[in-house]
Amino acid sequence: MPDRITLAHGSGGKAMQELVNKIFLSYFANEILNRQEDQARIPLAPLTLTGEKLAFSCDSYVVDPIRFPGGDIGKLAVCGTANDIAMSGAKPIYLSAGFIIEEGFSIDELKQVACSMAKTASEAGIEIVTGDTKVVPKGAADKLFISTSGIGVIPANVDWGVQHIQPGDQILISGNLGDHGATILNARENLGFGGQLNSDCQHLYPFVEALLPVKGIRTLRDATRGGVNAVLHEFVASSGCGFQVIEQALPVSSPVRGLSELLGLEVLNFANEGKFIAIVDPKDANLALSTLRQLKGGSDAAIIGEVNSSQKVSVLNAFGASRWLDLPWDEPMPRIC
C-alpha cells in the first residue's frame, strides 16, 4: 500500500478494496462484518432475550487534534456512541463506522485509529459490524472524520427518562468535571500544562450496569459537548424543573481548575467524554453515590446539587449566594469531539 490516502482509495476500485481489506476488515474482523454485505444481518436472539426495547444512537466525530492525551478520534468514536446508548440503561452491542478521509492522510495514522477503535470496542464487548469509507480531495475535510451508529438492549425493568424528574431529586456526577475539554484546549493551544491533563474518554456502561439495581434512578445523561451546563439546560426544557448546583461540591482536578481560572472559563461548560449526570430520588442518592465510588474510576463521584421548581439552572456559592447559569451563545471550544 502507498503511505498516504489517495482519491483512488475512495473510488470503489482495487485501491479501495485493498484499503478496506488490509485495515478495516483486518482490525474489525467478526463473523457479521466478514460477510462483506451492504448491511449487517444481526441475529435477533441477543437483542430480545435480555430486554424489551432497543436503544439506537448515532454521532459524528471531528475532534482536533485527532490524537490527544488519554485517547484519539477512534477511541472517542466508539466510546461516544456507546455511552449515548448506555445512558438509557442499555448494554451497547453493535456499532457501525463511517470514515471520511482527506486525500493525503497517512495510512499509518489510519491504522493507528482503526487499531484504537478495535481495541476499545473489544474491551467493551462491542462488535463493529458494518461501515463505509469515503475519500475527499485535500482541503475538503481536515484529516479524518468518523461517524458511528450503535444499538443496545434496554433491560425489561428499566424505564429511565427525563419525564421522571421531580423537585427534591439529587444531582450526581460520576467523577471530575472538564478533563476532556481542558485536555483538548491545552493540546490545541499549547497552554503549557504538559502531562498534567488527560482526557477522561472511557466506556461508561460498567458504571451504568452497577446502577441498574438502584431503584431511584430517574435519568442519566453523559455531559459531553457543552458540559454539565448543557445537560442541565436540556433537563430544564424536557422536565419543566429547575436545577441548583453547589459550587463547592463540584469535583474538579487542580490542573483543570487552574486552566479554567487562567482563561476565565466556566468549568461547568467544559466537555467530558467519560462522565455522566444522574438524577436520583433523594432516598436512593447515597446508595447511588456509594455504588459509583466503589468502581474503578468512580472515587470522585459526588452529589453536586438538587432539583427544584424554578425552571432555571443556578449555582450556589460558598457564601450562600445564588446566580443564574446561562448557556453560552456559541461553542467556546469547537471540535472537541
Protein backbone atom coordinates (compact mmCIF):
# COMPACT_ATOMS: atom_id res chain seq x y z
CA MET A 1 0.00 0.00 0.00
CA PRO A 2 1.12 3.61 -0.50
CA ASP A 3 1.90 5.57 2.65
CA ARG A 4 -0.82 8.19 2.04
CA ILE A 5 -4.52 8.14 1.21
CA THR A 6 -5.25 8.97 -2.43
CA LEU A 7 -8.54 9.67 -4.18
CA ALA A 8 -8.29 6.16 -5.64
CA HIS A 9 -8.90 4.80 -2.13
CA GLY A 10 -12.45 6.15 -2.36
CA SER A 11 -13.12 5.10 -5.94
CA GLY A 12 -14.65 1.67 -5.37
CA GLY A 13 -11.83 0.00 -7.29
CA LYS A 14 -8.83 -2.12 -6.33
CA ALA A 15 -7.23 0.59 -4.18
CA MET A 16 -10.38 0.91 -2.10
CA GLN A 17 -10.72 -2.85 -1.74
CA GLU A 18 -7.12 -3.05 -0.55
CA LEU A 19 -7.76 -0.27 2.00
CA VAL A 20 -10.91 -1.92 3.33
CA ASN A 21 -9.39 -5.39 3.47
CA LYS A 22 -5.99 -4.53 4.93
CA ILE A 23 -7.21 -2.00 7.51
CA PHE A 24 -10.91 -2.10 8.39
CA LEU A 25 -11.67 -5.79 7.83
CA SER A 26 -8.33 -6.66 9.41
CA TYR A 27 -8.84 -4.67 12.62
CA PHE A 28 -12.62 -5.00 13.00
CA ALA A 29 -12.92 -8.67 11.95
CA ASN A 30 -16.01 -10.54 13.20
CA GLU A 31 -18.47 -13.02 11.72
CA ILE A 32 -21.04 -10.42 10.66
CA LEU A 33 -18.61 -7.90 9.15
CA ASN A 34 -16.56 -10.56 7.39
CA ARG A 35 -19.54 -11.41 5.15
CA GLN A 36 -18.96 -8.04 3.44
CA GLU A 37 -22.62 -7.41 2.72
CA ASP A 38 -24.08 -3.95 2.18
CA GLN A 39 -25.84 -4.31 5.51
CA ALA A 40 -25.22 -6.03 8.83
CA ARG A 41 -27.50 -9.03 9.26
CA ILE A 42 -27.86 -9.05 13.01
CA PRO A 43 -29.23 -12.09 14.86
CA LEU A 44 -32.23 -11.09 16.98
CA ALA A 45 -31.57 -13.55 19.80
CA PRO A 46 -29.05 -11.45 21.78
CA LEU A 47 -31.26 -8.40 21.29
CA THR A 48 -34.53 -9.91 22.52
CA LEU A 49 -33.62 -12.33 25.28
CA THR A 50 -32.48 -9.68 27.76
CA GLY A 51 -34.84 -6.79 27.16
CA GLU A 52 -37.98 -5.41 25.56
CA LYS A 53 -36.58 -2.28 23.91
CA LEU A 54 -33.60 -1.32 21.80
CA ALA A 55 -31.55 1.85 22.23
CA PHE A 56 -30.24 3.32 18.99
CA SER A 57 -27.92 6.33 18.62
CA CYS A 58 -25.60 7.97 16.12
CA ASP A 59 -22.88 10.60 16.34
CA SER A 60 -20.04 12.10 14.31
CA TYR A 61 -16.50 12.92 15.44
CA VAL A 62 -14.36 15.75 14.10
CA VAL A 63 -12.04 16.33 17.09
CA ASP A 64 -8.89 18.41 16.58
CA PRO A 65 -6.23 17.20 17.23
CA ILE A 66 -7.18 13.64 16.33
CA ARG A 67 -4.69 12.26 18.89
CA PHE A 68 -4.62 13.69 22.42
CA PRO A 69 -3.50 12.61 25.90
CA GLY A 70 -5.88 9.87 27.00
CA GLY A 71 -7.26 8.91 23.61
CA ASP A 72 -7.77 9.61 19.93
CA ILE A 73 -10.60 10.06 17.47
CA GLY A 74 -11.02 6.28 17.16
CA LYS A 75 -11.46 5.63 20.87
CA LEU A 76 -13.74 8.67 21.06
CA ALA A 77 -15.92 7.41 18.20
CA VAL A 78 -16.54 4.09 19.94
CA CYS A 79 -16.97 5.41 23.48
CA GLY A 80 -19.07 8.42 22.49
CA THR A 81 -21.80 6.49 20.72
CA ALA A 82 -21.67 3.54 23.14
CA ASN A 83 -22.06 5.97 26.06
CA ASP A 84 -25.11 7.62 24.49
CA ILE A 85 -26.69 4.18 24.26
CA ALA A 86 -25.70 3.27 27.82
CA MET A 87 -27.43 6.34 29.28
CA SER A 88 -30.76 4.58 28.71
CA GLY A 89 -29.57 1.64 30.82
CA ALA A 90 -28.84 -0.33 27.64
CA LYS A 91 -25.85 -2.55 27.05
CA PRO A 92 -24.22 -1.47 23.74
CA ILE A 93 -23.76 -4.44 21.40
CA TYR A 94 -23.24 -3.37 17.78
CA LEU A 95 -21.70 -0.33 16.07
CA SER A 96 -21.37 0.90 12.50
CA ALA A 97 -18.45 3.10 11.46
CA GLY A 98 -18.27 5.56 8.58
CA PHE A 99 -14.98 7.24 7.61
CA ILE A 100 -14.49 10.47 5.67
CA ILE A 101 -10.77 10.67 4.92
CA GLU A 102 -8.86 13.59 3.43
CA GLU A 103 -6.61 12.89 0.48
CA GLY A 104 -3.02 12.74 1.73
CA PHE A 105 -3.88 11.38 5.18
CA SER A 106 -1.25 8.97 6.49
CA ILE A 107 -2.00 5.26 6.09
CA ASP A 108 -0.07 4.57 9.30
CA GLU A 109 -2.21 7.08 11.20
CA LEU A 110 -5.35 5.45 9.81
CA LYS A 111 -4.09 2.06 11.02
CA GLN A 112 -3.49 3.51 14.49
CA VAL A 113 -7.03 4.89 14.61
CA ALA A 114 -8.52 1.59 13.42
CA CYS A 115 -6.44 -0.31 15.97
CA SER A 116 -7.64 2.05 18.73
CA MET A 117 -11.28 1.57 17.69
CA ALA A 118 -10.90 -2.21 17.58
CA LYS A 119 -9.23 -2.35 21.00
CA THR A 120 -11.83 -0.07 22.61
CA ALA A 121 -14.74 -1.99 21.09
CA SER A 122 -13.29 -5.36 22.06
CA GLU A 123 -12.73 -4.32 25.66
CA ALA A 124 -16.35 -3.09 25.82
CA GLY A 125 -17.78 -6.27 24.29
CA ILE A 126 -18.99 -4.39 21.19
CA GLU A 127 -18.74 -5.51 17.56
CA ILE A 128 -18.29 -3.11 14.63
CA VAL A 129 -20.48 -4.89 12.09
CA THR A 130 -20.84 -2.53 9.11
CA GLY A 131 -19.34 0.66 7.76
CA ASP A 132 -18.48 2.95 4.88
CA THR A 133 -15.41 4.77 3.55
CA LYS A 134 -15.26 7.99 1.58
CA VAL A 135 -12.17 9.92 0.42
CA VAL A 136 -12.44 13.65 -0.33
CA PRO A 137 -9.89 15.94 -2.07
CA LYS A 138 -7.24 17.62 0.03
CA GLY A 139 -8.74 20.64 1.77
CA ALA A 140 -12.33 19.35 1.59
CA ALA A 141 -12.01 17.85 5.09
CA ASP A 142 -9.48 18.07 7.91
CA LYS A 143 -7.58 14.78 8.07
CA LEU A 144 -10.26 12.34 9.28
CA PHE A 145 -13.93 12.43 10.34
CA ILE A 146 -15.71 9.38 11.77
CA SER A 147 -19.44 8.72 12.11
CA THR A 148 -20.71 5.86 14.29
CA SER A 149 -24.16 4.45 15.00
CA GLY A 150 -24.96 1.87 17.62
CA ILE A 151 -27.59 -0.49 19.00
CA GLY A 152 -28.02 -1.72 22.56
CA VAL A 153 -30.57 -3.58 24.65
CA ILE A 154 -32.51 -1.93 27.49
CA PRO A 155 -33.33 -4.35 30.34
CA ALA A 156 -37.04 -5.07 30.64
CA ASN A 157 -37.37 -3.47 34.08
CA VAL A 158 -35.57 -0.21 33.24
CA ASP A 159 -37.54 2.90 32.25
CA TRP A 160 -35.27 5.87 32.86
CA GLY A 161 -36.17 9.24 31.37
CA VAL A 162 -36.44 12.97 31.99
CA GLN A 163 -40.21 12.65 32.48
CA HIS A 164 -39.50 11.07 35.89
CA ILE A 165 -37.50 14.03 37.29
CA GLN A 166 -39.10 15.67 40.34
CA PRO A 167 -38.25 18.62 42.63
CA GLY A 168 -36.15 17.37 45.55
CA ASP A 169 -34.23 14.85 43.44
CA GLN A 170 -30.45 14.87 43.81
CA ILE A 171 -27.95 15.68 41.05
CA LEU A 172 -24.95 13.32 40.89
CA ILE A 173 -21.81 13.49 38.74
CA SER A 174 -19.81 10.30 38.17
CA GLY A 175 -16.39 11.97 38.55
CA ASN A 176 -14.21 15.03 37.93
CA LEU A 177 -15.53 17.68 35.55
CA GLY A 178 -13.93 19.05 32.43
CA ASP A 179 -10.98 16.71 31.84
CA HIS A 180 -11.64 16.18 28.13
CA GLY A 181 -12.37 19.78 27.22
CA ALA A 182 -9.36 21.07 29.14
CA THR A 183 -7.08 18.45 27.57
CA ILE A 184 -8.15 19.28 24.01
CA LEU A 185 -7.83 23.01 24.65
CA ASN A 186 -4.36 22.55 26.14
CA ALA A 187 -3.22 20.31 23.28
CA ARG A 188 -4.60 22.62 20.60
CA GLU A 189 -3.37 25.90 22.00
CA ASN A 190 -0.13 24.72 23.71
CA LEU A 191 -1.09 26.31 27.02
CA GLY A 192 1.81 24.72 28.88
CA PHE A 193 0.05 22.26 31.18
CA GLY A 194 2.17 19.43 29.76
CA GLY A 195 1.31 15.97 31.06
CA GLN A 196 -0.96 17.25 33.82
CA LEU A 197 -4.10 16.91 31.70
CA ASN A 198 -5.61 13.73 30.25
CA SER A 199 -8.94 13.15 28.57
CA ASP A 200 -11.46 11.12 30.56
CA CYS A 201 -12.58 9.30 27.38
CA GLN A 202 -13.91 5.92 28.55
CA HIS A 203 -16.74 3.42 28.13
CA LEU A 204 -19.42 4.16 30.74
CA TYR A 205 -21.58 1.03 30.63
CA PRO A 206 -19.80 -0.60 33.62
CA PHE A 207 -20.92 2.38 35.74
CA VAL A 208 -24.44 2.19 34.33
CA GLU A 209 -24.65 -1.55 34.91
CA ALA A 210 -23.71 -1.04 38.56
CA LEU A 211 -26.59 1.45 38.94
CA LEU A 212 -29.26 -0.85 37.44
CA PRO A 213 -30.29 -2.28 40.86
CA VAL A 214 -30.72 1.24 42.33
CA LYS A 215 -34.47 1.82 42.21
CA GLY A 216 -34.44 5.62 42.43
CA ILE A 217 -32.57 6.43 39.21
CA ARG A 218 -34.66 8.98 37.28
CA THR A 219 -32.39 9.51 34.27
CA LEU A 220 -28.75 9.66 33.11
CA ARG A 221 -27.04 11.89 30.57
CA ASP A 222 -23.37 11.97 29.59
CA ALA A 223 -22.01 15.50 29.90
CA THR A 224 -20.16 15.81 26.59
CA ARG A 225 -20.19 18.93 24.38
CA GLY A 226 -21.43 21.86 26.47
CA GLY A 227 -20.62 20.03 29.70
CA VAL A 228 -22.83 19.81 32.79
CA ASN A 229 -24.39 23.19 32.00
CA ALA A 230 -25.76 21.95 28.66
CA VAL A 231 -27.14 18.77 30.23
CA LEU A 232 -28.98 20.64 32.98
CA HIS A 233 -30.50 23.10 30.49
CA GLU A 234 -31.67 20.16 28.38
CA PHE A 235 -33.29 18.74 31.51
CA VAL A 236 -35.00 22.08 32.21
CA ALA A 237 -36.53 22.10 28.73
CA SER A 238 -37.67 18.47 28.93
CA SER A 239 -38.82 18.22 32.55
CA GLY A 240 -40.03 21.72 33.43
CA CYS A 241 -37.97 21.57 36.64
CA GLY A 242 -35.04 23.70 37.81
CA PHE A 243 -31.58 22.61 38.88
CA GLN A 244 -29.29 24.16 41.51
CA VAL A 245 -25.62 23.20 41.58
CA ILE A 246 -23.50 23.68 44.71
CA GLU A 247 -20.21 25.22 43.57
CA GLN A 248 -18.18 23.83 46.49
CA ALA A 249 -19.40 20.29 45.75
CA LEU A 250 -18.09 20.19 42.17
CA PRO A 251 -15.23 17.67 41.79
CA VAL A 252 -12.57 19.35 39.65
CA SER A 253 -8.89 18.38 39.38
CA SER A 254 -6.27 21.02 40.17
CA PRO A 255 -4.98 21.29 36.56
CA VAL A 256 -8.49 21.73 35.14
CA ARG A 257 -9.35 24.29 37.81
CA GLY A 258 -6.10 26.13 37.09
CA LEU A 259 -6.74 26.21 33.35
CA SER A 260 -10.32 27.41 33.75
CA GLU A 261 -9.27 30.18 36.16
CA LEU A 262 -6.37 31.19 33.90
CA LEU A 263 -8.67 31.64 30.93
CA GLY A 264 -11.72 32.86 32.83
CA LEU A 265 -13.85 29.95 31.62
CA GLU A 266 -16.75 28.28 33.44
CA VAL A 267 -15.76 24.68 34.22
CA LEU A 268 -19.41 23.63 34.04
CA ASN A 269 -19.21 24.34 30.28
CA PHE A 270 -16.18 22.08 29.74
CA ALA A 271 -16.77 18.91 27.75
CA ASN A 272 -16.42 15.44 29.29
CA GLU A 273 -16.13 12.13 27.45
CA GLY A 274 -16.27 9.78 30.41
CA LYS A 275 -18.65 11.36 32.94
CA PHE A 276 -22.40 11.46 33.31
CA ILE A 277 -25.05 13.26 35.30
CA ALA A 278 -27.53 11.11 37.23
CA ILE A 279 -30.78 12.47 38.64
CA VAL A 280 -31.75 10.31 41.60
CA ASP A 281 -34.59 10.07 44.11
CA PRO A 282 -33.24 11.56 47.37
CA LYS A 283 -33.99 8.29 49.20
CA ASP A 284 -31.54 6.46 46.92
CA ALA A 285 -28.93 9.15 46.24
CA ASN A 286 -26.42 7.96 48.84
CA LEU A 287 -26.73 4.38 47.60
CA ALA A 288 -26.09 5.52 44.02
CA LEU A 289 -23.12 7.59 45.18
CA SER A 290 -21.54 4.77 47.18
CA THR A 291 -22.10 2.39 44.25
CA LEU A 292 -20.21 4.69 41.88
CA ARG A 293 -17.41 5.34 44.35
CA GLN A 294 -16.71 1.61 44.70
CA LEU A 295 -15.93 1.30 41.00
CA LYS A 296 -12.55 1.84 39.40
CA GLY A 297 -12.54 5.44 38.22
CA GLY A 298 -15.55 6.40 40.33
CA SER A 299 -13.85 7.61 43.51
CA ASP A 300 -14.53 11.27 42.68
CA ALA A 301 -18.28 10.83 42.13
CA ALA A 302 -20.25 13.43 44.05
CA ILE A 303 -23.70 14.81 44.81
CA ILE A 304 -23.49 18.30 43.32
CA GLY A 305 -26.95 19.76 43.72
CA GLU A 306 -30.71 19.40 43.81
CA VAL A 307 -33.73 19.65 41.56
CA ASN A 308 -36.22 22.46 42.27
CA SER A 309 -39.22 24.07 40.56
CA SER A 310 -37.51 27.26 39.28
CA GLN A 311 -37.23 26.18 35.62
CA LYS A 312 -33.71 27.67 35.72
CA VAL A 313 -30.14 26.45 36.26
CA SER A 314 -28.41 28.16 39.16
CA VAL A 315 -25.15 27.92 41.08
CA LEU A 316 -24.93 28.33 44.86
CA ASN A 317 -21.54 29.63 46.04
CA ALA A 318 -19.72 29.15 49.35
CA PHE A 319 -21.22 32.37 50.78
CA GLY A 320 -24.79 31.24 50.19
CA ALA A 321 -25.37 33.50 47.21
CA SER A 322 -27.03 32.07 44.11
CA ARG A 323 -26.54 33.08 40.45
CA TRP A 324 -28.37 32.02 37.33
CA LEU A 325 -26.22 29.99 34.93
CA ASP A 326 -26.99 30.70 31.28
CA LEU A 327 -25.84 28.75 28.27
CA PRO A 328 -23.12 30.44 26.21
CA TRP A 329 -24.44 31.75 22.88
CA ASP A 330 -21.90 29.80 20.84
CA GLU A 331 -19.46 26.94 21.29
CA PRO A 332 -16.42 28.25 23.22
CA MET A 333 -14.30 25.29 22.07
CA PRO A 334 -15.35 23.89 18.67
CA ARG A 335 -14.26 20.42 17.54
CA ILE A 336 -13.71 18.93 20.98
CA CYS A 337 -15.44 15.68 19.95
